[in-house]
Amino acid sequence: MLKRILGGCFIAALIGLWLLATMTNPAIVHPLGILLFFVLAYIVTLVIFTAAIIIAFRVLQTANIIHKKQPELQLRRAYMYASVIALAPVILVAMQSVGALGVWDVSLVIIFEILACFYIWRRS
């Protein structure tokens, strides 16, 4: 069920991003259009990172780097990790758009990502 929801949201977000990019001008778009862009970009990166985490886990398990005795990675757990990791590119693009992206800012985003992934690891 979650696979179908993620797939449908991915296709809808890609179409929405394409329409937003081709039919609007960034100089005249309403602030809600900018918010819509960031939400759609988050959805696209979320689905891409979810698929990448699942594929990487299966490749590592096939190569015997991860032991076969370890339980199969659930889509729900991969989705939780991906939801945190997918936020980083959106935060960085948003900070770049207002001209506030520096080394210190990138390092704070990386620290936030590490702490959030650690929190998910401890909770699940």
PDB file of N, CA and C in Angstrom:
ATOM      1  N   MET A   1       0.821  -1.193   0.000  1.00  0.00           N
ATOM      2  CA  MET A   1       0.000   0.000   0.000  1.00  0.00           C
ATOM      3  C   MET A   1       0.867   1.259   0.000  1.00  0.00           C
ATOM      4  N   LEU A   2       1.894   1.262   0.875  1.00  0.00           N
ATOM      5  CA  LEU A   2       2.774   2.423   0.949  1.00  0.00           C
ATOM      6  C   LEU A   2       3.552   2.602  -0.351  1.00  0.00           C
ATOM      7  N   LYS A   3       3.880   1.488  -1.015  1.00  0.00           N
ATOM      8  CA  LYS A   3       4.585   1.576  -2.295  1.00  0.00           C
ATOM      9  C   LYS A   3       3.749   2.311  -3.331  1.00  0.00           C
ATOM     10  N   ARG A   4       2.470   1.999  -3.380  1.00  0.00           N
ATOM     11  CA  ARG A   4       1.589   2.650  -4.361  1.00  0.00           C
ATOM     12  C   ARG A   4       1.397   4.130  -4.038  1.00  0.00           C
ATOM     13  N   ILE A   5       1.282   4.433  -2.766  1.00  0.00           N
ATOM     14  CA  ILE A   5       1.128   5.836  -2.366  1.00  0.00           C
ATOM     15  C   ILE A   5       2.383   6.625  -2.729  1.00  0.00           C
ATOM     16  N   LEU A   6       3.561   6.052  -2.417  1.00  0.00           N
ATOM     17  CA  LEU A   6       4.811   6.738  -2.746  1.00  0.00           C
ATOM     18  C   LEU A   6       4.971   6.904  -4.249  1.00  0.00           C
ATOM     19  N   GLY A   7       4.631   5.863  -5.006  1.00  0.00           N
ATOM     20  CA  GLY A   7       4.733   5.950  -6.464  1.00  0.00           C
ATOM     21  C   GLY A   7       3.803   7.000  -7.049  1.00  0.00           C
ATOM     22  N   GLY A   8       2.570   7.031  -6.565  1.00  0.00           N
ATOM     23  CA  GLY A   8       1.613   8.025  -7.044  1.00  0.00           C
ATOM     24  C   GLY A   8       2.018   9.445  -6.682  1.00  0.00           C
ATOM     25  N   CYS A   9       2.498   9.626  -5.467  1.00  0.00           N
ATOM     26  CA  CYS A   9       2.964  10.953  -5.046  1.00  0.00           C
ATOM     27  C   CYS A   9       4.179  11.391  -5.851  1.00  0.00           C
ATOM     28  N   PHE A  10       5.060  10.438  -6.175  1.00  0.00           N
ATOM     29  CA  PHE A  10       6.253  10.756  -6.957  1.00  0.00           C
ATOM     30  C   PHE A  10       5.864  11.251  -8.349  1.00  0.00           C
ATOM     31  N   ILE A  11       4.970  10.535  -9.015  1.00  0.00           N
ATOM     32  CA  ILE A  11       4.536  10.938 -10.358  1.00  0.00           C
ATOM     33  C   ILE A  11       3.824  12.288 -10.305  1.00  0.00           C
ATOM     34  N   ALA A  12       2.934  12.467  -9.331  1.00  0.00           N
ATOM     35  CA  ALA A  12       2.210  13.735  -9.207  1.00  0.00           C
ATOM     36  C   ALA A  12       3.156  14.891  -8.906  1.00  0.00           C
ATOM     37  N   ALA A  13       4.157  14.662  -8.056  1.00  0.00           N
ATOM     38  CA  ALA A  13       5.110  15.720  -7.723  1.00  0.00           C
ATOM     39  C   ALA A  13       5.986  16.066  -8.918  1.00  0.00           C
ATOM     40  N   LEU A  14       6.395  15.056  -9.682  1.00  0.00           N
ATOM     41  CA  LEU A  14       7.185  15.343 -10.887  1.00  0.00           C
ATOM     42  C   LEU A  14       6.385  16.162 -11.891  1.00  0.00           C
ATOM     43  N   ILE A  15       5.131  15.793 -12.091  1.00  0.00           N
ATOM     44  CA  ILE A  15       4.280  16.554 -13.011  1.00  0.00           C
ATOM     45  C   ILE A  15       4.076  17.974 -12.481  1.00  0.00           C
ATOM     46  N   GLY A  16       3.842  18.101 -11.178  1.00  0.00           N
ATOM     47  CA  GLY A  16       3.673  19.426 -10.583  1.00  0.00           C
ATOM     48  C   GLY A  16       4.913  20.293 -10.706  1.00  0.00           C
ATOM     49  N   LEU A  17       6.088  19.705 -10.476  1.00  0.00           N
ATOM     50  CA  LEU A  17       7.338  20.459 -10.643  1.00  0.00           C
ATOM     51  C   LEU A  17       7.536  20.881 -12.089  1.00  0.00           C
ATOM     52  N   TRP A  18       7.230  19.975 -13.002  1.00  0.00           N
ATOM     53  CA  TRP A  18       7.381  20.304 -14.421  1.00  0.00           C
ATOM     54  C   TRP A  18       6.441  21.444 -14.806  1.00  0.00           C
ATOM     55  N   LEU A  19       5.183  21.370 -14.370  1.00  0.00           N
ATOM     56  CA  LEU A  19       4.232  22.441 -14.674  1.00  0.00           C
ATOM     57  C   LEU A  19       4.653  23.757 -14.028  1.00  0.00           C
ATOM     58  N   LEU A  20       5.119  23.692 -12.807  1.00  0.00           N
ATOM     59  CA  LEU A  20       5.544  24.901 -12.103  1.00  0.00           C
ATOM     60  C   LEU A  20       6.757  25.531 -12.778  1.00  0.00           C
ATOM     61  N   ALA A  21       7.669  24.693 -13.257  1.00  0.00           N
ATOM     62  CA  ALA A  21       8.883  25.209 -13.886  1.00  0.00           C
ATOM     63  C   ALA A  21       8.626  25.749 -15.287  1.00  0.00           C
ATOM     64  N   THR A  22       7.681  25.180 -16.004  1.00  0.00           N
ATOM     65  CA  THR A  22       7.470  25.605 -17.388  1.00  0.00           C
ATOM     66  C   THR A  22       6.405  26.679 -17.545  1.00  0.00           C
ATOM     67  N   MET A  23       5.487  26.781 -16.604  1.00  0.00           N
ATOM     68  CA  MET A  23       4.363  27.697 -16.792  1.00  0.00           C
ATOM     69  C   MET A  23       4.434  28.956 -15.938  1.00  0.00           C
ATOM     70  N   THR A  24       5.418  29.055 -15.071  1.00  0.00           N
ATOM     71  CA  THR A  24       5.504  30.240 -14.220  1.00  0.00           C
ATOM     72  C   THR A  24       6.870  30.895 -14.364  1.00  0.00           C
ATOM     73  N   ASN A  25       6.915  32.131 -13.949  1.00  0.00           N
ATOM     74  CA  ASN A  25       8.143  32.899 -13.933  1.00  0.00           C
ATOM     75  C   ASN A  25       8.523  33.122 -12.467  1.00  0.00           C
ATOM     76  N   PRO A  26       9.756  32.805 -12.068  1.00  0.00           N
ATOM     77  CA  PRO A  26      10.120  32.962 -10.653  1.00  0.00           C
ATOM     78  C   PRO A  26       9.973  34.390 -10.131  1.00  0.00           C
ATOM     79  N   ALA A  27      10.060  35.361 -11.012  1.00  0.00           N
ATOM     80  CA  ALA A  27       9.972  36.752 -10.566  1.00  0.00           C
ATOM     81  C   ALA A  27       8.544  37.157 -10.208  1.00  0.00           C
ATOM     82  N   ILE A  28       7.553  36.514 -10.806  1.00  0.00           N
ATOM     83  CA  ILE A  28       6.175  36.937 -10.569  1.00  0.00           C
ATOM     84  C   ILE A  28       5.337  35.899  -9.825  1.00  0.00           C
ATOM     85  N   VAL A  29       5.955  34.802  -9.420  1.00  0.00           N
ATOM     86  CA  VAL A  29       5.185  33.754  -8.746  1.00  0.00           C
ATOM     87  C   VAL A  29       4.842  34.191  -7.321  1.00  0.00           C
ATOM     88  N   HIS A  30       3.696  33.793  -6.868  1.00  0.00           N
ATOM     89  CA  HIS A  30       3.213  34.093  -5.522  1.00  0.00           C
ATOM     90  C   HIS A  30       4.032  33.295  -4.496  1.00  0.00           C
ATOM     91  N   PRO A  31       4.147  33.763  -3.261  1.00  0.00           N
ATOM     92  CA  PRO A  31       4.875  32.996  -2.239  1.00  0.00           C
ATOM     93  C   PRO A  31       4.346  31.568  -2.039  1.00  0.00           C
ATOM     94  N   LEU A  32       3.060  31.360  -2.270  1.00  0.00           N
ATOM     95  CA  LEU A  32       2.537  29.997  -2.183  1.00  0.00           C
ATOM     96  C   LEU A  32       3.094  29.115  -3.295  1.00  0.00           C
ATOM     97  N   GLY A  33       3.416  29.706  -4.435  1.00  0.00           N
ATOM     98  CA  GLY A  33       4.053  28.952  -5.510  1.00  0.00           C
ATOM     99  C   GLY A  33       5.453  28.506  -5.127  1.00  0.00           C
ATOM    100  N   ILE A  34       6.156  29.365  -4.411  1.00  0.00           N
ATOM    101  CA  ILE A  34       7.496  29.001  -3.934  1.00  0.00           C
ATOM    102  C   ILE A  34       7.390  27.888  -2.892  1.00  0.00           C
ATOM    103  N   LEU A  35       6.417  27.997  -1.999  1.00  0.00           N
ATOM    104  CA  LEU A  35       6.190  26.937  -1.014  1.00  0.00           C
ATOM    105  C   LEU A  35       5.826  25.627  -1.703  1.00  0.00           C
ATOM    106  N   LEU A  36       4.989  25.700  -2.726  1.00  0.00           N
ATOM    107  CA  LEU A  36       4.617  24.506  -3.483  1.00  0.00           C
ATOM    108  C   LEU A  36       5.835  23.872  -4.140  1.00  0.00           C
ATOM    109  N   PHE A  37       6.737  24.702  -4.662  1.00  0.00           N
ATOM    110  CA  PHE A  37       7.957  24.171  -5.268  1.00  0.00           C
ATOM    111  C   PHE A  37       8.773  23.376  -4.251  1.00  0.00           C
ATOM    112  N   PHE A  38       8.957  23.924  -3.066  1.00  0.00           N
ATOM    113  CA  PHE A  38       9.760  23.234  -2.057  1.00  0.00           C
ATOM    114  C   PHE A  38       9.074  21.962  -1.549  1.00  0.00           C
ATOM    115  N   VAL A  39       7.765  21.978  -1.426  1.00  0.00           N
ATOM    116  CA  VAL A  39       7.043  20.772  -1.004  1.00  0.00           C
ATOM    117  C   VAL A  39       7.160  19.684  -2.065  1.00  0.00           C
ATOM    118  N   LEU A  40       6.984  20.054  -3.331  1.00  0.00           N
ATOM    119  CA  LEU A  40       7.104  19.068  -4.408  1.00  0.00           C
ATOM    120  C   LEU A  40       8.530  18.544  -4.529  1.00  0.00           C
ATOM    121  N   ALA A  41       9.509  19.417  -4.350  1.00  0.00           N
ATOM    122  CA  ALA A  41      10.906  18.969  -4.388  1.00  0.00           C
ATOM    123  C   ALA A  41      11.188  18.009  -3.242  1.00  0.00           C
ATOM    124  N   TYR A  42      10.613  18.265  -2.082  1.00  0.00           N
ATOM    125  CA  TYR A  42      10.783  17.357  -0.942  1.00  0.00           C
ATOM    126  C   TYR A  42      10.175  15.987  -1.237  1.00  0.00           C
ATOM    127  N   ILE A  43       9.004  15.965  -1.824  1.00  0.00           N
ATOM    128  CA  ILE A  43       8.351  14.687  -2.136  1.00  0.00           C
ATOM    129  C   ILE A  43       9.181  13.887  -3.133  1.00  0.00           C
ATOM    130  N   VAL A  44       9.698  14.556  -4.155  1.00  0.00           N
ATOM    131  CA  VAL A  44      10.515  13.860  -5.153  1.00  0.00           C
ATOM    132  C   VAL A  44      11.778  13.294  -4.512  1.00  0.00           C
ATOM    133  N   THR A  45      12.476  14.093  -3.721  1.00  0.00           N
ATOM    134  CA  THR A  45      13.702  13.590  -3.090  1.00  0.00           C
ATOM    135  C   THR A  45      13.393  12.513  -2.053  1.00  0.00           C
ATOM    136  N   LEU A  46      12.256  12.604  -1.397  1.00  0.00           N
ATOM    137  CA  LEU A  46      11.861  11.584  -0.426  1.00  0.00           C
ATOM    138  C   LEU A  46      11.715  10.220  -1.088  1.00  0.00           C
ATOM    139  N   VAL A  47      11.020  10.171  -2.199  1.00  0.00           N
ATOM    140  CA  VAL A  47      10.816   8.889  -2.883  1.00  0.00           C
ATOM    141  C   VAL A  47      12.131   8.372  -3.454  1.00  0.00           C
ATOM    142  N   ILE A  48      12.954   9.262  -3.994  1.00  0.00           N
ATOM    143  CA  ILE A  48      14.249   8.835  -4.538  1.00  0.00           C
ATOM    144  C   ILE A  48      15.134   8.267  -3.435  1.00  0.00           C
ATOM    145  N   PHE A  49      15.202   8.940  -2.290  1.00  0.00           N
ATOM    146  CA  PHE A  49      16.034   8.439  -1.193  1.00  0.00           C
ATOM    147  C   PHE A  49      15.470   7.156  -0.583  1.00  0.00           C
ATOM    148  N   THR A  50      14.154   7.016  -0.540  1.00  0.00           N
ATOM    149  CA  THR A  50      13.569   5.766  -0.043  1.00  0.00           C
ATOM    150  C   THR A  50      13.980   4.600  -0.929  1.00  0.00           C
ATOM    151  N   ALA A  51      13.863   4.781  -2.234  1.00  0.00           N
ATOM    152  CA  ALA A  51      14.268   3.720  -3.163  1.00  0.00           C
ATOM    153  C   ALA A  51      15.764   3.453  -3.072  1.00  0.00           C
ATOM    154  N   ALA A  52      16.564   4.502  -2.932  1.00  0.00           N
ATOM    155  CA  ALA A  52      18.018   4.324  -2.848  1.00  0.00           C
ATOM    156  C   ALA A  52      18.418   3.562  -1.587  1.00  0.00           C
ATOM    157  N   ILE A  53      17.765   3.837  -0.471  1.00  0.00           N
ATOM    158  CA  ILE A  53      18.080   3.130   0.775  1.00  0.00           C
ATOM    159  C   ILE A  53      17.723   1.654   0.656  1.00  0.00           C
ATOM    160  N   ILE A  54      16.568   1.361   0.092  1.00  0.00           N
ATOM    161  CA  ILE A  54      16.160  -0.041  -0.060  1.00  0.00           C
ATOM    162  C   ILE A  54      17.093  -0.775  -1.016  1.00  0.00           C
ATOM    163  N   ILE A  55      17.443  -0.154  -2.135  1.00  0.00           N
ATOM    164  CA  ILE A  55      18.348  -0.786  -3.102  1.00  0.00           C
ATOM    165  C   ILE A  55      19.725  -0.992  -2.493  1.00  0.00           C
ATOM    166  N   ALA A  56      20.234   0.003  -1.777  1.00  0.00           N
ATOM    167  CA  ALA A  56      21.556  -0.129  -1.153  1.00  0.00           C
ATOM    168  C   ALA A  56      21.560  -1.246  -0.114  1.00  0.00           C
ATOM    169  N   PHE A  57      20.497  -1.368   0.655  1.00  0.00           N
ATOM    170  CA  PHE A  57      20.421  -2.437   1.658  1.00  0.00           C
ATOM    171  C   PHE A  57      20.434  -3.806   0.987  1.00  0.00           C
ATOM    172  N   ARG A  58      19.679  -3.943  -0.098  1.00  0.00           N
ATOM    173  CA  ARG A  58      19.639  -5.238  -0.793  1.00  0.00           C
ATOM    174  C   ARG A  58      20.964  -5.565  -1.463  1.00  0.00           C
ATOM    175  N   VAL A  59      21.643  -4.568  -2.005  1.00  0.00           N
ATOM    176  CA  VAL A  59      22.956  -4.813  -2.614  1.00  0.00           C
ATOM    177  C   VAL A  59      23.960  -5.224  -1.551  1.00  0.00           C
ATOM    178  N   LEU A  60      23.962  -4.537  -0.421  1.00  0.00           N
ATOM    179  CA  LEU A  60      24.875  -4.895   0.663  1.00  0.00           C
ATOM    180  C   LEU A  60      24.563  -6.273   1.234  1.00  0.00           C
ATOM    181  N   GLN A  61      23.304  -6.618   1.278  1.00  0.00           N
ATOM    182  CA  GLN A  61      22.927  -7.933   1.780  1.00  0.00           C
ATOM    183  C   GLN A  61      23.319  -9.025   0.780  1.00  0.00           C
ATOM    184  N   THR A  62      23.194  -8.757  -0.501  1.00  0.00           N
ATOM    185  CA  THR A  62      23.597  -9.721  -1.522  1.00  0.00           C
ATOM    186  C   THR A  62      25.105  -9.914  -1.524  1.00  0.00           C
ATOM    187  N   ALA A  63      25.851  -8.861  -1.276  1.00  0.00           N
ATOM    188  CA  ALA A  63      27.314  -8.936  -1.259  1.00  0.00           C
ATOM    189  C   ALA A  63      27.848  -9.456   0.074  1.00  0.00           C
ATOM    190  N   ASN A  64      26.967  -9.891   0.955  1.00  0.00           N
ATOM    191  CA  ASN A  64      27.321 -10.436   2.273  1.00  0.00           C
ATOM    192  C   ASN A  64      28.044  -9.431   3.164  1.00  0.00           C
ATOM    193  N   ILE A  65      27.881  -8.166   2.915  1.00  0.00           N
ATOM    194  CA  ILE A  65      28.412  -7.147   3.818  1.00  0.00           C
ATOM    195  C   ILE A  65      27.485  -7.025   5.029  1.00  0.00           C
ATOM    196  N   ILE A  66      26.201  -7.152   4.777  1.00  0.00           N
ATOM    197  CA  ILE A  66      25.211  -7.223   5.844  1.00  0.00           C
ATOM    198  C   ILE A  66      24.797  -8.686   5.942  1.00  0.00           C
ATOM    199  N   HIS A  67      24.831  -9.217   7.135  1.00  0.00           N
ATOM    200  CA  HIS A  67      24.547 -10.638   7.325  1.00  0.00           C
ATOM    201  C   HIS A  67      23.102 -10.963   6.982  1.00  0.00           C
ATOM    202  N   LYS A  68      22.897 -12.141   6.445  1.00  0.00           N
ATOM    203  CA  LYS A  68      21.557 -12.588   6.061  1.00  0.00           C
ATOM    204  C   LYS A  68      20.646 -12.769   7.272  1.00  0.00           C
ATOM    205  N   LYS A  69      21.241 -12.950   8.456  1.00  0.00           N
ATOM    206  CA  LYS A  69      20.435 -13.156   9.659  1.00  0.00           C
ATOM    207  C   LYS A  69      19.728 -11.880  10.102  1.00  0.00           C
ATOM    208  N   GLN A  70      20.240 -10.744   9.635  1.00  0.00           N
ATOM    209  CA  GLN A  70      19.605  -9.478   9.993  1.00  0.00           C
ATOM    210  C   GLN A  70      18.244  -9.402   9.302  1.00  0.00           C
ATOM    211  N   PRO A  71      17.223  -8.922  10.006  1.00  0.00           N
ATOM    212  CA  PRO A  71      15.895  -8.875   9.394  1.00  0.00           C
ATOM    213  C   PRO A  71      15.860  -7.945   8.184  1.00  0.00           C
ATOM    214  N   GLU A  72      14.940  -8.237   7.302  1.00  0.00           N
ATOM    215  CA  GLU A  72      14.767  -7.457   6.078  1.00  0.00           C
ATOM    216  C   GLU A  72      14.404  -6.008   6.424  1.00  0.00           C
ATOM    217  N   LEU A  73      14.968  -5.090   5.668  1.00  0.00           N
ATOM    218  CA  LEU A  73      14.669  -3.675   5.869  1.00  0.00           C
ATOM    219  C   LEU A  73      13.226  -3.416   5.460  1.00  0.00           C
ATOM    220  N   GLN A  74      12.461  -2.897   6.367  1.00  0.00           N
ATOM    221  CA  GLN A  74      11.063  -2.619   6.079  1.00  0.00           C
ATOM    222  C   GLN A  74      10.949  -1.290   5.346  1.00  0.00           C
ATOM    223  N   LEU A  75       9.930  -1.207   4.497  1.00  0.00           N
ATOM    224  CA  LEU A  75       9.697   0.023   3.753  1.00  0.00           C
ATOM    225  C   LEU A  75       9.422   1.180   4.706  1.00  0.00           C
ATOM    226  N   ARG A  76       8.747   0.899   5.801  1.00  0.00           N
ATOM    227  CA  ARG A  76       8.426   1.950   6.771  1.00  0.00           C
ATOM    228  C   ARG A  76       9.691   2.551   7.379  1.00  0.00           C
ATOM    229  N   ARG A  77      10.646   1.694   7.717  1.00  0.00           N
ATOM    230  CA  ARG A  77      11.887   2.181   8.323  1.00  0.00           C
ATOM    231  C   ARG A  77      12.721   2.957   7.302  1.00  0.00           C
ATOM    232  N   ALA A  78      12.793   2.447   6.076  1.00  0.00           N
ATOM    233  CA  ALA A  78      13.511   3.168   5.022  1.00  0.00           C
ATOM    234  C   ALA A  78      12.854   4.519   4.759  1.00  0.00           C
ATOM    235  N   TYR A  79      11.526   4.559   4.822  1.00  0.00           N
ATOM    236  CA  TYR A  79      10.789   5.804   4.627  1.00  0.00           C
ATOM    237  C   TYR A  79      11.112   6.811   5.729  1.00  0.00           C
ATOM    238  N   MET A  80      11.252   6.338   6.961  1.00  0.00           N
ATOM    239  CA  MET A  80      11.576   7.249   8.067  1.00  0.00           C
ATOM    240  C   MET A  80      12.965   7.860   7.881  1.00  0.00           C
ATOM    241  N   TYR A  81      13.945   7.035   7.527  1.00  0.00           N
ATOM    242  CA  TYR A  81      15.283   7.567   7.277  1.00  0.00           C
ATOM    243  C   TYR A  81      15.271   8.526   6.084  1.00  0.00           C
ATOM    244  N   ALA A  82      14.582   8.137   5.023  1.00  0.00           N
ATOM    245  CA  ALA A  82      14.554   8.973   3.823  1.00  0.00           C
ATOM    246  C   ALA A  82      13.845  10.300   4.069  1.00  0.00           C
ATOM    247  N   SER A  83      12.841  10.308   4.939  1.00  0.00           N
ATOM    248  CA  SER A  83      12.136  11.561   5.209  1.00  0.00           C
ATOM    249  C   SER A  83      13.042  12.582   5.882  1.00  0.00           C
ATOM    250  N   VAL A  84      13.985  12.105   6.678  1.00  0.00           N
ATOM    251  CA  VAL A  84      14.940  13.008   7.317  1.00  0.00           C
ATOM    252  C   VAL A  84      16.022  13.426   6.324  1.00  0.00           C
ATOM    253  N   ILE A  85      16.548  12.464   5.580  1.00  0.00           N
ATOM    254  CA  ILE A  85      17.638  12.752   4.646  1.00  0.00           C
ATOM    255  C   ILE A  85      17.159  13.640   3.498  1.00  0.00           C
ATOM    256  N   ALA A  86      15.914  13.463   3.058  1.00  0.00           N
ATOM    257  CA  ALA A  86      15.390  14.258   1.944  1.00  0.00           C
ATOM    258  C   ALA A  86      15.180  15.714   2.318  1.00  0.00           C
ATOM    259  N   LEU A  87      15.152  16.000   3.590  1.00  0.00           N
ATOM    260  CA  LEU A  87      14.967  17.386   4.016  1.00  0.00           C
ATOM    261  C   LEU A  87      16.228  18.223   3.804  1.00  0.00           C
ATOM    262  N   ALA A  88      17.399  17.589   3.817  1.00  0.00           N
ATOM    263  CA  ALA A  88      18.662  18.328   3.694  1.00  0.00           C
ATOM    264  C   ALA A  88      18.783  19.094   2.377  1.00  0.00           C
ATOM    265  N   PRO A  89      18.540  18.470   1.208  1.00  0.00           N
ATOM    266  CA  PRO A  89      18.650  19.263  -0.026  1.00  0.00           C
ATOM    267  C   PRO A  89      17.662  20.418  -0.085  1.00  0.00           C
ATOM    268  N   VAL A  90      16.470  20.209   0.444  1.00  0.00           N
ATOM    269  CA  VAL A  90      15.471  21.278   0.435  1.00  0.00           C
ATOM    270  C   VAL A  90      15.917  22.428   1.332  1.00  0.00           C
ATOM    271  N   ILE A  91      16.464  22.113   2.494  1.00  0.00           N
ATOM    272  CA  ILE A  91      16.973  23.155   3.391  1.00  0.00           C
ATOM    273  C   ILE A  91      18.119  23.915   2.732  1.00  0.00           C
ATOM    274  N   LEU A  92      19.033  23.186   2.096  1.00  0.00           N
ATOM    275  CA  LEU A  92      20.185  23.837   1.464  1.00  0.00           C
ATOM    276  C   LEU A  92      19.769  24.724   0.294  1.00  0.00           C
ATOM    277  N   VAL A  93      18.812  24.273  -0.516  1.00  0.00           N
ATOM    278  CA  VAL A  93      18.327  25.102  -1.631  1.00  0.00           C
ATOM    279  C   VAL A  93      17.606  26.333  -1.096  1.00  0.00           C
ATOM    280  N   ALA A  94      16.829  26.169  -0.041  1.00  0.00           N
ATOM    281  CA  ALA A  94      16.130  27.312   0.548  1.00  0.00           C
ATOM    282  C   ALA A  94      17.115  28.329   1.116  1.00  0.00           C
ATOM    283  N   MET A  95      18.165  27.844   1.766  1.00  0.00           N
ATOM    284  CA  MET A  95      19.169  28.760   2.313  1.00  0.00           C
ATOM    285  C   MET A  95      19.946  29.453   1.198  1.00  0.00           C
ATOM    286  N   GLN A  96      20.218  28.736   0.119  1.00  0.00           N
ATOM    287  CA  GLN A  96      20.922  29.332  -1.014  1.00  0.00           C
ATOM    288  C   GLN A  96      20.060  30.400  -1.686  1.00  0.00           C
ATOM    289  N   SER A  97      18.754  30.181  -1.720  1.00  0.00           N
ATOM    290  CA  SER A  97      17.877  31.139  -2.393  1.00  0.00           C
ATOM    291  C   SER A  97      17.797  32.471  -1.659  1.00  0.00           C
ATOM    292  N   VAL A  98      18.057  32.476  -0.359  1.00  0.00           N
ATOM    293  CA  VAL A  98      18.074  33.743   0.374  1.00  0.00           C
ATOM    294  C   VAL A  98      19.491  34.244   0.598  1.00  0.00           C
ATOM    295  N   GLY A  99      20.470  33.539   0.036  1.00  0.00           N
ATOM    296  CA  GLY A  99      21.857  33.988   0.101  1.00  0.00           C
ATOM    297  C   GLY A  99      22.526  33.768   1.439  1.00  0.00           C
ATOM    298  N   ALA A 100      22.091  32.773   2.180  1.00  0.00           N
ATOM    299  CA  ALA A 100      22.657  32.549   3.509  1.00  0.00           C
ATOM    300  C   ALA A 100      23.309  31.182   3.626  1.00  0.00           C
ATOM    301  N   LEU A 101      23.936  30.722   2.569  1.00  0.00           N
ATOM    302  CA  LEU A 101      24.537  29.392   2.598  1.00  0.00           C
ATOM    303  C   LEU A 101      26.046  29.519   2.685  1.00  0.00           C
ATOM    304  N   GLY A 102      26.582  29.082   3.796  1.00  0.00           N
ATOM    305  CA  GLY A 102      28.021  29.094   4.010  1.00  0.00           C
ATOM    306  C   GLY A 102      28.475  27.769   4.590  1.00  0.00           C
ATOM    307  N   VAL A 103      29.753  27.699   4.894  1.00  0.00           N
ATOM    308  CA  VAL A 103      30.314  26.466   5.442  1.00  0.00           C
ATOM    309  C   VAL A 103      29.678  26.144   6.794  1.00  0.00           C
ATOM    310  N   TRP A 104      29.488  27.152   7.605  1.00  0.00           N
ATOM    311  CA  TRP A 104      28.889  26.953   8.919  1.00  0.00           C
ATOM    312  C   TRP A 104      27.462  26.418   8.787  1.00  0.00           C
ATOM    313  N   ASP A 105      26.707  26.952   7.855  1.00  0.00           N
ATOM    314  CA  ASP A 105      25.325  26.523   7.658  1.00  0.00           C
ATOM    315  C   ASP A 105      25.250  25.081   7.169  1.00  0.00           C
ATOM    316  N   VAL A 106      26.119  24.720   6.248  1.00  0.00           N
ATOM    317  CA  VAL A 106      26.146  23.344   5.746  1.00  0.00           C
ATOM    318  C   VAL A 106      26.526  22.380   6.862  1.00  0.00           C
ATOM    319  N   SER A 107      27.489  22.766   7.683  1.00  0.00           N
ATOM    320  CA  SER A 107      27.887  21.885   8.787  1.00  0.00           C
ATOM    321  C   SER A 107      26.755  21.718   9.798  1.00  0.00           C
ATOM    322  N   LEU A 108      25.978  22.756  10.045  1.00  0.00           N
ATOM    323  CA  LEU A 108      24.837  22.631  10.952  1.00  0.00           C
ATOM    324  C   LEU A 108      23.761  21.713  10.382  1.00  0.00           C
ATOM    325  N   VAL A 109      23.535  21.784   9.079  1.00  0.00           N
ATOM    326  CA  VAL A 109      22.568  20.882   8.446  1.00  0.00           C
ATOM    327  C   VAL A 109      23.053  19.439   8.545  1.00  0.00           C
ATOM    328  N   ILE A 110      24.346  19.209   8.347  1.00  0.00           N
ATOM    329  CA  ILE A 110      24.903  17.854   8.458  1.00  0.00           C
ATOM    330  C   ILE A 110      24.758  17.330   9.887  1.00  0.00           C
ATOM    331  N   ILE A 111      25.033  18.175  10.866  1.00  0.00           N
ATOM    332  CA  ILE A 111      24.873  17.764  12.268  1.00  0.00           C
ATOM    333  C   ILE A 111      23.409  17.440  12.568  1.00  0.00           C
ATOM    334  N   PHE A 112      22.501  18.251  12.052  1.00  0.00           N
ATOM    335  CA  PHE A 112      21.075  17.982  12.226  1.00  0.00           C
ATOM    336  C   PHE A 112      20.693  16.637  11.621  1.00  0.00           C
ATOM    337  N   GLU A 113      21.197  16.339  10.434  1.00  0.00           N
ATOM    338  CA  GLU A 113      20.891  15.066   9.769  1.00  0.00           C
ATOM    339  C   GLU A 113      21.423  13.884  10.572  1.00  0.00           C
ATOM    340  N   ILE A 114      22.629  14.004  11.081  1.00  0.00           N
ATOM    341  CA  ILE A 114      23.214  12.916  11.877  1.00  0.00           C
ATOM    342  C   ILE A 114      22.397  12.682  13.143  1.00  0.00           C
ATOM    343  N   LEU A 115      22.024  13.755  13.820  1.00  0.00           N
ATOM    344  CA  LEU A 115      21.224  13.616  15.042  1.00  0.00           C
ATOM    345  C   LEU A 115      19.844  13.025  14.752  1.00  0.00           C
ATOM    346  N   ALA A 116      19.231  13.444  13.663  1.00  0.00           N
ATOM    347  CA  ALA A 116      17.907  12.922  13.322  1.00  0.00           C
ATOM    348  C   ALA A 116      17.973  11.440  12.959  1.00  0.00           C
ATOM    349  N   CYS A 117      18.991  11.032  12.211  1.00  0.00           N
ATOM    350  CA  CYS A 117      19.151   9.608  11.876  1.00  0.00           C
ATOM    351  C   CYS A 117      19.456   8.786  13.124  1.00  0.00           C
ATOM    352  N   PHE A 118      20.244   9.331  14.029  1.00  0.00           N
ATOM    353  CA  PHE A 118      20.523   8.643  15.289  1.00  0.00           C
ATOM    354  C   PHE A 118      19.241   8.476  16.100  1.00  0.00           C
ATOM    355  N   TYR A 119      18.415   9.494  16.114  1.00  0.00           N
ATOM    356  CA  TYR A 119      17.142   9.416  16.831  1.00  0.00           C
ATOM    357  C   TYR A 119      16.251   8.322  16.247  1.00  0.00           C
ATOM    358  N   ILE A 120      16.161   8.252  14.925  1.00  0.00           N
ATOM    359  CA  ILE A 120      15.355   7.209  14.282  1.00  0.00           C
ATOM    360  C   ILE A 120      15.921   5.831  14.594  1.00  0.00           C
ATOM    361  N   TRP A 121      17.242   5.713  14.562  1.00  0.00           N
ATOM    362  CA  TRP A 121      17.879   4.427  14.850  1.00  0.00           C
ATOM    363  C   TRP A 121      17.557   3.970  16.270  1.00  0.00           C
ATOM    364  N   ARG A 122      17.575   4.889  17.222  1.00  0.00           N
ATOM    365  CA  ARG A 122      17.307   4.528  18.614  1.00  0.00           C
ATOM    366  C   ARG A 122      15.818   4.239  18.855  1.00  0.00           C
ATOM    367  N   ARG A 123      14.944   4.896  18.132  1.00  0.00           N
ATOM    368  CA  ARG A 123      13.506   4.711  18.330  1.00  0.00           C
ATOM    369  C   ARG A 123      12.963   3.454  17.660  1.00  0.00           C
ATOM    370  N   SER A 124      13.632   2.980  16.614  1.00  0.00           N
ATOM    371  CA  SER A 124      13.082   1.823  15.891  1.00  0.00           C
ATOM    372  C   SER A 124      13.884   0.568  16.113  1.00  0.00           C
TER     373      SER A 124
END
